[in-house]
């Protein structure tokens, strides 16, 4: 018989937020993203001084569960979409 000789590696990578993957995030993350961009459009808010690119960068650095979404909740939401 054959014997495997070598090394195998595997790992997990986090998906980084961006406009193209926005819909695959949980509802809490999506609502928070919308709220942040809405705040940015208000002149009296400190976020109004930030360009879109900066806000997108900040959101890109947030973990997917930063806004308290759970794996179960995201899977449940995906089930409703189908």
PDB file of N, CA and C in Angstrom:
ATOM      1  N   UNK A   1       0.806  -1.190   0.000  1.00  0.00           N
ATOM      2  CA  UNK A   1       0.000   0.000   0.000  1.00  0.00           C
ATOM      3  C   UNK A   1       0.849   1.254   0.000  1.00  0.00           C
ATOM      4  N   UNK A   2       0.188   2.302  -0.255  1.00  0.00           N
ATOM      5  CA  UNK A   2       0.845   3.605  -0.280  1.00  0.00           C
ATOM      6  C   UNK A   2       0.868   4.212   1.115  1.00  0.00           C
ATOM      7  N   UNK A   3       1.894   4.961   1.369  1.00  0.00           N
ATOM      8  CA  UNK A   3       2.050   5.649   2.645  1.00  0.00           C
ATOM      9  C   UNK A   3       2.261   7.129   2.361  1.00  0.00           C
ATOM     10  N   UNK A   4       1.529   7.973   3.079  1.00  0.00           N
ATOM     11  CA  UNK A   4       1.682   9.425   2.919  1.00  0.00           C
ATOM     12  C   UNK A   4       2.970   9.863   3.599  1.00  0.00           C
ATOM     13  N   UNK A   5       3.809  10.542   2.858  1.00  0.00           N
ATOM     14  CA  UNK A   5       5.041  11.082   3.404  1.00  0.00           C
ATOM     15  C   UNK A   5       5.025  12.578   3.119  1.00  0.00           C
ATOM     16  N   UNK A   6       5.105  13.344   4.149  1.00  0.00           N
ATOM     17  CA  UNK A   6       5.077  14.788   3.958  1.00  0.00           C
ATOM     18  C   UNK A   6       4.422  15.476   5.132  1.00  0.00           C
ATOM     19  N   UNK A   7       3.984  16.671   4.879  1.00  0.00           N
ATOM     20  CA  UNK A   7       3.390  17.476   5.940  1.00  0.00           C
ATOM     21  C   UNK A   7       2.133  18.144   5.410  1.00  0.00           C
ATOM     22  N   UNK A   8       1.097  18.151   6.217  1.00  0.00           N
ATOM     23  CA  UNK A   8      -0.141  18.806   5.829  1.00  0.00           C
ATOM     24  C   UNK A   8      -0.447  19.879   6.877  1.00  0.00           C
ATOM     25  N   UNK A   9      -0.866  21.031   6.399  1.00  0.00           N
ATOM     26  CA  UNK A   9      -1.235  22.119   7.301  1.00  0.00           C
ATOM     27  C   UNK A   9      -2.609  22.647   6.921  1.00  0.00           C
ATOM     28  N   UNK A  10      -3.312  23.180   7.890  1.00  0.00           N
ATOM     29  CA  UNK A  10      -4.589  23.821   7.627  1.00  0.00           C
ATOM     30  C   UNK A  10      -4.785  24.922   8.648  1.00  0.00           C
ATOM     31  N   UNK A  11      -5.684  25.809   8.354  1.00  0.00           N
ATOM     32  CA  UNK A  11      -5.945  26.918   9.260  1.00  0.00           C
ATOM     33  C   UNK A  11      -7.260  27.587   8.911  1.00  0.00           C
ATOM     34  N   UNK A  12      -7.604  28.545   9.715  1.00  0.00           N
ATOM     35  CA  UNK A  12      -8.844  29.290   9.525  1.00  0.00           C
ATOM     36  C   UNK A  12      -8.481  30.760   9.379  1.00  0.00           C
ATOM     37  N   UNK A  13      -9.126  31.421   8.428  1.00  0.00           N
ATOM     38  CA  UNK A  13      -8.912  32.850   8.244  1.00  0.00           C
ATOM     39  C   UNK A  13     -10.221  33.583   8.448  1.00  0.00           C
ATOM     40  N   UNK A  14     -10.124  34.741   9.049  1.00  0.00           N
ATOM     41  CA  UNK A  14     -11.306  35.574   9.204  1.00  0.00           C
ATOM     42  C   UNK A  14     -11.607  36.265   7.882  1.00  0.00           C
ATOM     43  N   UNK A  15     -12.872  36.407   7.603  1.00  0.00           N
ATOM     44  CA  UNK A  15     -13.293  37.167   6.428  1.00  0.00           C
ATOM     45  C   UNK A  15     -13.294  38.637   6.838  1.00  0.00           C
ATOM     46  N   UNK A  16     -12.635  39.471   6.056  1.00  0.00           N
ATOM     47  CA  UNK A  16     -12.586  40.896   6.354  1.00  0.00           C
ATOM     48  C   UNK A  16     -13.780  41.597   5.732  1.00  0.00           C
ATOM     49  N   UNK A  17     -14.341  42.553   6.484  1.00  0.00           N
ATOM     50  CA  UNK A  17     -15.518  43.277   6.002  1.00  0.00           C
ATOM     51  C   UNK A  17     -15.157  44.140   4.807  1.00  0.00           C
ATOM     52  N   UNK A  18     -16.075  44.232   3.898  1.00  0.00           N
ATOM     53  CA  UNK A  18     -15.985  45.122   2.743  1.00  0.00           C
ATOM     54  C   UNK A  18     -17.366  45.193   2.121  1.00  0.00           C
ATOM     55  N   UNK A  19     -17.613  46.190   1.281  1.00  0.00           N
ATOM     56  CA  UNK A  19     -18.936  46.327   0.664  1.00  0.00           C
ATOM     57  C   UNK A  19     -19.414  45.062  -0.059  1.00  0.00           C
ATOM     58  N   UNK A  20     -18.474  44.328  -0.691  1.00  0.00           N
ATOM     59  CA  UNK A  20     -18.879  43.122  -1.436  1.00  0.00           C
ATOM     60  C   UNK A  20     -19.339  41.979  -0.541  1.00  0.00           C
ATOM     61  N   UNK A  21     -18.842  41.914   0.690  1.00  0.00           N
ATOM     62  CA  UNK A  21     -19.222  40.816   1.595  1.00  0.00           C
ATOM     63  C   UNK A  21     -20.171  41.280   2.700  1.00  0.00           C
ATOM     64  N   UNK A  22     -20.599  42.522   2.638  1.00  0.00           N
ATOM     65  CA  UNK A  22     -21.465  43.109   3.670  1.00  0.00           C
ATOM     66  C   UNK A  22     -22.687  42.236   3.964  1.00  0.00           C
ATOM     67  N   UNK A  23     -23.327  41.739   2.927  1.00  0.00           N
ATOM     68  CA  UNK A  23     -24.572  40.971   3.119  1.00  0.00           C
ATOM     69  C   UNK A  23     -24.344  39.631   3.801  1.00  0.00           C
ATOM     70  N   UNK A  24     -23.119  39.147   3.862  1.00  0.00           N
ATOM     71  CA  UNK A  24     -22.858  37.860   4.512  1.00  0.00           C
ATOM     72  C   UNK A  24     -22.584  38.013   6.006  1.00  0.00           C
ATOM     73  N   UNK A  25     -22.524  39.238   6.497  1.00  0.00           N
ATOM     74  CA  UNK A  25     -22.319  39.480   7.925  1.00  0.00           C
ATOM     75  C   UNK A  25     -23.654  39.436   8.657  1.00  0.00           C
ATOM     76  N   UNK A  26     -23.597  39.320   9.973  1.00  0.00           N
ATOM     77  CA  UNK A  26     -24.806  39.268  10.787  1.00  0.00           C
ATOM     78  C   UNK A  26     -25.551  40.591  10.792  1.00  0.00           C
ATOM     79  N   UNK A  27     -26.803  40.530  11.183  1.00  0.00           N
ATOM     80  CA  UNK A  27     -27.658  41.721  11.148  1.00  0.00           C
ATOM     81  C   UNK A  27     -27.160  42.824  12.078  1.00  0.00           C
ATOM     82  N   UNK A  28     -26.584  42.474  13.223  1.00  0.00           N
ATOM     83  CA  UNK A  28     -26.068  43.506  14.130  1.00  0.00           C
ATOM     84  C   UNK A  28     -24.908  44.263  13.493  1.00  0.00           C
ATOM     85  N   UNK A  29     -24.018  43.537  12.840  1.00  0.00           N
ATOM     86  CA  UNK A  29     -22.891  44.181  12.167  1.00  0.00           C
ATOM     87  C   UNK A  29     -23.396  45.060  11.031  1.00  0.00           C
ATOM     88  N   UNK A  30     -24.344  44.552  10.246  1.00  0.00           N
ATOM     89  CA  UNK A  30     -24.884  45.328   9.118  1.00  0.00           C
ATOM     90  C   UNK A  30     -25.588  46.590   9.599  1.00  0.00           C
ATOM     91  N   UNK A  31     -26.393  46.485  10.646  1.00  0.00           N
ATOM     92  CA  UNK A  31     -27.088  47.668  11.189  1.00  0.00           C
ATOM     93  C   UNK A  31     -26.087  48.680  11.733  1.00  0.00           C
ATOM     94  N   UNK A  32     -25.061  48.192  12.408  1.00  0.00           N
ATOM     95  CA  UNK A  32     -24.048  49.092  12.969  1.00  0.00           C
ATOM     96  C   UNK A  32     -23.273  49.804  11.866  1.00  0.00           C
ATOM     97  N   UNK A  33     -22.994  49.085  10.788  1.00  0.00           N
ATOM     98  CA  UNK A  33     -22.323  49.692   9.634  1.00  0.00           C
ATOM     99  C   UNK A  33     -23.181  50.812   9.057  1.00  0.00           C
ATOM    100  N   UNK A  34     -24.458  50.538   8.879  1.00  0.00           N
ATOM    101  CA  UNK A  34     -25.376  51.544   8.357  1.00  0.00           C
ATOM    102  C   UNK A  34     -25.437  52.757   9.294  1.00  0.00           C
ATOM    103  N   UNK A  35     -25.531  52.502  10.587  1.00  0.00           N
ATOM    104  CA  UNK A  35     -25.595  53.595  11.567  1.00  0.00           C
ATOM    105  C   UNK A  35     -24.330  54.453  11.515  1.00  0.00           C
ATOM    106  N   UNK A  36     -23.185  53.813  11.376  1.00  0.00           N
ATOM    107  CA  UNK A  36     -21.933  54.554  11.323  1.00  0.00           C
ATOM    108  C   UNK A  36     -21.874  55.466  10.096  1.00  0.00           C
ATOM    109  N   UNK A  37     -22.303  54.962   8.942  1.00  0.00           N
ATOM    110  CA  UNK A  37     -22.319  55.807   7.750  1.00  0.00           C
ATOM    111  C   UNK A  37     -23.390  56.895   7.842  1.00  0.00           C
ATOM    112  N   UNK A  38     -24.491  56.619   8.514  1.00  0.00           N
ATOM    113  CA  UNK A  38     -25.507  57.656   8.716  1.00  0.00           C
ATOM    114  C   UNK A  38     -24.966  58.758   9.628  1.00  0.00           C
ATOM    115  N   UNK A  39     -24.243  58.361  10.681  1.00  0.00           N
ATOM    116  CA  UNK A  39     -23.631  59.357  11.570  1.00  0.00           C
ATOM    117  C   UNK A  39     -22.609  60.205  10.821  1.00  0.00           C
ATOM    118  N   UNK A  40     -21.878  59.579   9.928  1.00  0.00           N
ATOM    119  CA  UNK A  40     -20.855  60.299   9.168  1.00  0.00           C
ATOM    120  C   UNK A  40     -21.467  61.413   8.324  1.00  0.00           C
ATOM    121  N   UNK A  41     -22.698  61.250   7.924  1.00  0.00           N
ATOM    122  CA  UNK A  41     -23.356  62.248   7.067  1.00  0.00           C
ATOM    123  C   UNK A  41     -23.919  63.436   7.860  1.00  0.00           C
ATOM    124  N   UNK A  42     -23.866  63.363   9.187  1.00  0.00           N
ATOM    125  CA  UNK A  42     -24.368  64.459  10.033  1.00  0.00           C
ATOM    126  C   UNK A  42     -23.212  65.393  10.398  1.00  0.00           C
ATOM    127  N   UNK A  43     -23.355  66.655  10.042  1.00  0.00           N
ATOM    128  CA  UNK A  43     -22.274  67.625  10.257  1.00  0.00           C
ATOM    129  C   UNK A  43     -21.876  67.771  11.721  1.00  0.00           C
ATOM    130  N   UNK A  44     -22.819  67.595  12.633  1.00  0.00           N
ATOM    131  CA  UNK A  44     -22.512  67.791  14.058  1.00  0.00           C
ATOM    132  C   UNK A  44     -21.803  66.593  14.683  1.00  0.00           C
ATOM    133  N   UNK A  45     -21.615  65.528  13.944  1.00  0.00           N
ATOM    134  CA  UNK A  45     -20.976  64.320  14.466  1.00  0.00           C
ATOM    135  C   UNK A  45     -19.485  64.325  14.154  1.00  0.00           C
ATOM    136  N   UNK A  46     -18.691  63.866  15.106  1.00  0.00           N
ATOM    137  CA  UNK A  46     -17.243  63.815  14.907  1.00  0.00           C
ATOM    138  C   UNK A  46     -16.870  62.897  13.737  1.00  0.00           C
ATOM    139  N   UNK A  47     -17.674  61.886  13.459  1.00  0.00           N
ATOM    140  CA  UNK A  47     -17.410  60.979  12.335  1.00  0.00           C
ATOM    141  C   UNK A  47     -17.560  61.675  10.980  1.00  0.00           C
ATOM    142  N   UNK A  48     -18.203  62.853  10.951  1.00  0.00           N
ATOM    143  CA  UNK A  48     -18.407  63.547   9.670  1.00  0.00           C
ATOM    144  C   UNK A  48     -17.095  64.030   9.057  1.00  0.00           C
ATOM    145  N   UNK A  49     -16.050  64.105   9.867  1.00  0.00           N
ATOM    146  CA  UNK A  49     -14.749  64.533   9.352  1.00  0.00           C
ATOM    147  C   UNK A  49     -13.988  63.394   8.680  1.00  0.00           C
ATOM    148  N   UNK A  50     -14.494  62.172   8.845  1.00  0.00           N
ATOM    149  CA  UNK A  50     -13.812  60.998   8.294  1.00  0.00           C
ATOM    150  C   UNK A  50     -14.288  60.690   6.878  1.00  0.00           C
ATOM    151  N   UNK A  51     -13.360  60.479   5.956  1.00  0.00           N
ATOM    152  CA  UNK A  51     -13.767  60.058   4.614  1.00  0.00           C
ATOM    153  C   UNK A  51     -14.295  58.613   4.638  1.00  0.00           C
ATOM    154  N   UNK A  52     -15.060  58.257   3.628  1.00  0.00           N
ATOM    155  CA  UNK A  52     -15.609  56.896   3.524  1.00  0.00           C
ATOM    156  C   UNK A  52     -14.524  55.839   3.655  1.00  0.00           C
ATOM    157  N   UNK A  53     -13.382  56.066   3.017  1.00  0.00           N
ATOM    158  CA  UNK A  53     -12.302  55.077   3.051  1.00  0.00           C
ATOM    159  C   UNK A  53     -11.823  54.782   4.466  1.00  0.00           C
ATOM    160  N   UNK A  54     -11.777  55.795   5.317  1.00  0.00           N
ATOM    161  CA  UNK A  54     -11.329  55.600   6.696  1.00  0.00           C
ATOM    162  C   UNK A  54     -12.349  54.764   7.461  1.00  0.00           C
ATOM    163  N   UNK A  55     -13.621  55.067   7.276  1.00  0.00           N
ATOM    164  CA  UNK A  55     -14.663  54.294   7.959  1.00  0.00           C
ATOM    165  C   UNK A  55     -14.660  52.849   7.474  1.00  0.00           C
ATOM    166  N   UNK A  56     -14.476  52.657   6.175  1.00  0.00           N
ATOM    167  CA  UNK A  56     -14.401  51.294   5.649  1.00  0.00           C
ATOM    168  C   UNK A  56     -13.199  50.550   6.220  1.00  0.00           C
ATOM    169  N   UNK A  57     -12.096  51.246   6.403  1.00  0.00           N
ATOM    170  CA  UNK A  57     -10.898  50.626   6.985  1.00  0.00           C
ATOM    171  C   UNK A  57     -11.176  50.218   8.430  1.00  0.00           C
ATOM    172  N   UNK A  58     -11.811  51.102   9.194  1.00  0.00           N
ATOM    173  CA  UNK A  58     -12.151  50.786  10.589  1.00  0.00           C
ATOM    174  C   UNK A  58     -13.049  49.549  10.639  1.00  0.00           C
ATOM    175  N   UNK A  59     -14.085  49.520   9.800  1.00  0.00           N
ATOM    176  CA  UNK A  59     -14.989  48.366   9.775  1.00  0.00           C
ATOM    177  C   UNK A  59     -14.257  47.105   9.332  1.00  0.00           C
ATOM    178  N   UNK A  60     -13.318  47.243   8.428  1.00  0.00           N
ATOM    179  CA  UNK A  60     -12.537  46.109   7.957  1.00  0.00           C
ATOM    180  C   UNK A  60     -11.712  45.498   9.086  1.00  0.00           C
ATOM    181  N   UNK A  61     -11.320  46.294  10.050  1.00  0.00           N
ATOM    182  CA  UNK A  61     -10.511  45.807  11.166  1.00  0.00           C
ATOM    183  C   UNK A  61     -11.359  45.241  12.316  1.00  0.00           C
ATOM    184  N   UNK A  62     -12.681  45.435  12.269  1.00  0.00           N
ATOM    185  CA  UNK A  62     -13.557  44.909  13.321  1.00  0.00           C
ATOM    186  C   UNK A  62     -13.779  43.411  13.112  1.00  0.00           C
ATOM    187  N   UNK A  63     -13.645  42.612  14.153  1.00  0.00           N
ATOM    188  CA  UNK A  63     -13.980  41.193  14.018  1.00  0.00           C
ATOM    189  C   UNK A  63     -15.459  41.028  13.657  1.00  0.00           C
ATOM    190  N   UNK A  64     -15.797  39.951  12.989  1.00  0.00           N
ATOM    191  CA  UNK A  64     -17.173  39.733  12.517  1.00  0.00           C
ATOM    192  C   UNK A  64     -18.184  39.739  13.657  1.00  0.00           C
ATOM    193  N   UNK A  65     -17.755  39.369  14.876  1.00  0.00           N
ATOM    194  CA  UNK A  65     -18.686  39.306  16.011  1.00  0.00           C
ATOM    195  C   UNK A  65     -18.568  40.519  16.941  1.00  0.00           C
ATOM    196  N   UNK A  66     -17.929  41.571  16.481  1.00  0.00           N
ATOM    197  CA  UNK A  66     -17.708  42.768  17.294  1.00  0.00           C
ATOM    198  C   UNK A  66     -19.030  43.368  17.789  1.00  0.00           C
ATOM    199  N   UNK A  67     -20.061  43.267  16.974  1.00  0.00           N
ATOM    200  CA  UNK A  67     -21.353  43.847  17.321  1.00  0.00           C
ATOM    201  C   UNK A  67     -22.316  42.791  17.866  1.00  0.00           C
ATOM    202  N   UNK A  68     -21.740  41.750  18.476  1.00  0.00           N
ATOM    203  CA  UNK A  68     -22.472  40.704  19.206  1.00  0.00           C
ATOM    204  C   UNK A  68     -23.282  39.759  18.325  1.00  0.00           C
ATOM    205  N   UNK A  69     -22.915  39.602  17.067  1.00  0.00           N
ATOM    206  CA  UNK A  69     -23.531  38.557  16.248  1.00  0.00           C
ATOM    207  C   UNK A  69     -22.953  37.215  16.686  1.00  0.00           C
ATOM    208  N   UNK A  70     -23.708  36.152  16.491  1.00  0.00           N
ATOM    209  CA  UNK A  70     -23.237  34.809  16.819  1.00  0.00           C
ATOM    210  C   UNK A  70     -23.282  33.943  15.568  1.00  0.00           C
ATOM    211  N   UNK A  71     -22.534  32.868  15.585  1.00  0.00           N
ATOM    212  CA  UNK A  71     -22.540  31.934  14.455  1.00  0.00           C
ATOM    213  C   UNK A  71     -23.956  31.415  14.235  1.00  0.00           C
ATOM    214  N   UNK A  72     -24.612  31.031  15.321  1.00  0.00           N
ATOM    215  CA  UNK A  72     -25.980  30.502  15.216  1.00  0.00           C
ATOM    216  C   UNK A  72     -26.935  31.526  14.638  1.00  0.00           C
ATOM    217  N   UNK A  73     -26.810  32.770  15.078  1.00  0.00           N
ATOM    218  CA  UNK A  73     -27.690  33.831  14.581  1.00  0.00           C
ATOM    219  C   UNK A  73     -27.487  34.098  13.100  1.00  0.00           C
ATOM    220  N   UNK A  74     -26.236  34.137  12.664  1.00  0.00           N
ATOM    221  CA  UNK A  74     -25.945  34.373  11.247  1.00  0.00           C
ATOM    222  C   UNK A  74     -26.477  33.212  10.411  1.00  0.00           C
ATOM    223  N   UNK A  75     -26.293  31.973  10.893  1.00  0.00           N
ATOM    224  CA  UNK A  75     -26.811  30.813  10.150  1.00  0.00           C
ATOM    225  C   UNK A  75     -28.328  30.843  10.076  1.00  0.00           C
ATOM    226  N   UNK A  76     -28.969  31.248  11.171  1.00  0.00           N
ATOM    227  CA  UNK A  76     -30.433  31.367  11.180  1.00  0.00           C
ATOM    228  C   UNK A  76     -30.895  32.408  10.163  1.00  0.00           C
ATOM    229  N   UNK A  77     -30.216  33.550  10.124  1.00  0.00           N
ATOM    230  CA  UNK A  77     -30.559  34.607   9.171  1.00  0.00           C
ATOM    231  C   UNK A  77     -30.367  34.133   7.736  1.00  0.00           C
ATOM    232  N   UNK A  78     -29.313  33.407   7.484  1.00  0.00           N
ATOM    233  CA  UNK A  78     -29.072  32.886   6.137  1.00  0.00           C
ATOM    234  C   UNK A  78     -30.162  31.908   5.724  1.00  0.00           C
ATOM    235  N   UNK A  79     -30.645  31.119   6.669  1.00  0.00           N
ATOM    236  CA  UNK A  79     -31.729  30.174   6.385  1.00  0.00           C
ATOM    237  C   UNK A  79     -33.002  30.882   5.974  1.00  0.00           C
ATOM    238  N   UNK A  80     -33.245  32.047   6.561  1.00  0.00           N
ATOM    239  CA  UNK A  80     -34.451  32.826   6.212  1.00  0.00           C
ATOM    240  C   UNK A  80     -34.343  33.432   4.831  1.00  0.00           C
ATOM    241  N   UNK A  81     -33.114  33.745   4.393  1.00  0.00           N
ATOM    242  CA  UNK A  81     -32.908  34.382   3.092  1.00  0.00           C
ATOM    243  C   UNK A  81     -33.130  33.421   1.937  1.00  0.00           C
ATOM    244  N   UNK A  82     -32.962  32.132   2.168  1.00  0.00           N
ATOM    245  CA  UNK A  82     -33.056  31.151   1.074  1.00  0.00           C
ATOM    246  C   UNK A  82     -34.459  30.836   0.719  1.00  0.00           C
TER     247      UNK A  82
END
